[in-house]
Amino acid sequence: EKYEAKVARFEDFNDHMLGIKGYRPMEILSETASSGKMEDVDPWLKTRVAILMENFLK
């Protein structure tokens, strides 16, 4: 799969999450990671993003 297609799919996921949960996961995660408050992140979100990233990076 082309890199561009993966990026597009990833962006779709991010927007999809905005619709379901009211936020875009990557924005939340990057903010949290930079503030060092990773343990405050919704575990559901962490799991979803981890799975997504795994698939995304294959």
C-alpha atoms as a PDB file:
ATOM      1  CA  GLU A   1       0.000   0.000   0.000  1.00  0.00           C
ATOM      2  CA  LYS A   2       1.267   3.439  -0.860  1.00  0.00           C
ATOM      3  CA  TYR A   3       2.292   5.734   1.957  1.00  0.00           C
ATOM      4  CA  GLU A   4      -0.195   8.397   0.794  1.00  0.00           C
ATOM      5  CA  ALA A   5      -3.063   5.931   1.082  1.00  0.00           C
ATOM      6  CA  LYS A   6      -2.047   5.112   4.637  1.00  0.00           C
ATOM      7  CA  VAL A   7      -1.889   8.775   5.548  1.00  0.00           C
ATOM      8  CA  ALA A   8      -5.336   9.343   4.029  1.00  0.00           C
ATOM      9  CA  ARG A   9      -6.754   6.393   5.956  1.00  0.00           C
ATOM     10  CA  PHE A  10      -5.200   7.702   9.121  1.00  0.00           C
ATOM     11  CA  GLU A  11      -6.677  11.165   8.591  1.00  0.00           C
ATOM     12  CA  ASP A  12     -10.058   9.534   7.964  1.00  0.00           C
ATOM     13  CA  PHE A  13      -9.777   7.712  11.264  1.00  0.00           C
ATOM     14  CA  ASN A  14      -8.878  10.921  13.041  1.00  0.00           C
ATOM     15  CA  ASP A  15     -11.927  12.694  11.586  1.00  0.00           C
ATOM     16  CA  HIS A  16     -14.131   9.669  12.229  1.00  0.00           C
ATOM     17  CA  MET A  17     -13.149   9.819  15.905  1.00  0.00           C
ATOM     18  CA  LEU A  18     -13.984  13.492  15.995  1.00  0.00           C
ATOM     19  CA  GLY A  19     -17.530  12.514  15.063  1.00  0.00           C
ATOM     20  CA  ILE A  20     -17.805   9.715  17.639  1.00  0.00           C
ATOM     21  CA  LYS A  21     -15.864  11.004  20.606  1.00  0.00           C
ATOM     22  CA  GLY A  22     -15.720  14.727  19.900  1.00  0.00           C
ATOM     23  CA  TYR A  23     -11.957  14.936  19.547  1.00  0.00           C
ATOM     24  CA  ARG A  24      -9.190  13.981  17.174  1.00  0.00           C
ATOM     25  CA  PRO A  25      -7.014  11.317  18.858  1.00  0.00           C
ATOM     26  CA  MET A  26      -3.680  12.475  17.549  1.00  0.00           C
ATOM     27  CA  GLU A  27      -4.157  16.010  18.813  1.00  0.00           C
ATOM     28  CA  ILE A  28      -5.030  14.695  22.262  1.00  0.00           C
ATOM     29  CA  LEU A  29      -2.138  12.254  22.298  1.00  0.00           C
ATOM     30  CA  SER A  30       0.464  14.721  21.099  1.00  0.00           C
ATOM     31  CA  GLU A  31      -0.665  17.310  23.655  1.00  0.00           C
ATOM     32  CA  THR A  32      -0.681  14.736  26.435  1.00  0.00           C
ATOM     33  CA  ALA A  33       2.657  13.261  25.507  1.00  0.00           C
ATOM     34  CA  SER A  34       4.259  16.695  25.485  1.00  0.00           C
ATOM     35  CA  SER A  35       2.757  17.551  28.877  1.00  0.00           C
ATOM     36  CA  GLY A  36       3.846  14.214  30.370  1.00  0.00           C
ATOM     37  CA  LYS A  37       0.307  13.317  31.452  1.00  0.00           C
ATOM     38  CA  MET A  38      -0.055  10.138  29.425  1.00  0.00           C
ATOM     39  CA  GLU A  39      -1.740   8.308  32.313  1.00  0.00           C
ATOM     40  CA  ASP A  40      -4.630  10.797  32.119  1.00  0.00           C
ATOM     41  CA  VAL A  41      -5.566   9.697  28.608  1.00  0.00           C
ATOM     42  CA  ASP A  42      -8.710   7.623  28.177  1.00  0.00           C
ATOM     43  CA  PRO A  43      -7.514   3.962  28.091  1.00  0.00           C
ATOM     44  CA  TRP A  44      -9.976   3.219  25.289  1.00  0.00           C
ATOM     45  CA  LEU A  45      -8.357   5.921  23.195  1.00  0.00           C
ATOM     46  CA  LYS A  46      -4.847   4.695  23.953  1.00  0.00           C
ATOM     47  CA  THR A  47      -5.776   1.168  22.906  1.00  0.00           C
ATOM     48  CA  ARG A  48      -7.556   2.269  19.715  1.00  0.00           C
ATOM     49  CA  VAL A  49      -4.707   4.517  18.668  1.00  0.00           C
ATOM     50  CA  ALA A  50      -2.122   1.859  19.461  1.00  0.00           C
ATOM     51  CA  ILE A  51      -3.945  -0.665  17.284  1.00  0.00           C
ATOM     52  CA  LEU A  52      -4.434   1.886  14.555  1.00  0.00           C
ATOM     53  CA  MET A  53      -0.790   2.926  14.615  1.00  0.00           C
ATOM     54  CA  GLU A  54       0.295  -0.710  14.440  1.00  0.00           C
ATOM     55  CA  ASN A  55      -1.829  -1.249  11.335  1.00  0.00           C
ATOM     56  CA  PHE A  56      -0.872   2.126   9.949  1.00  0.00           C
ATOM     57  CA  LEU A  57       2.858   1.470  10.208  1.00  0.00           C
ATOM     58  CA  LYS A  58       2.779  -2.004   8.645  1.00  0.00           C
END
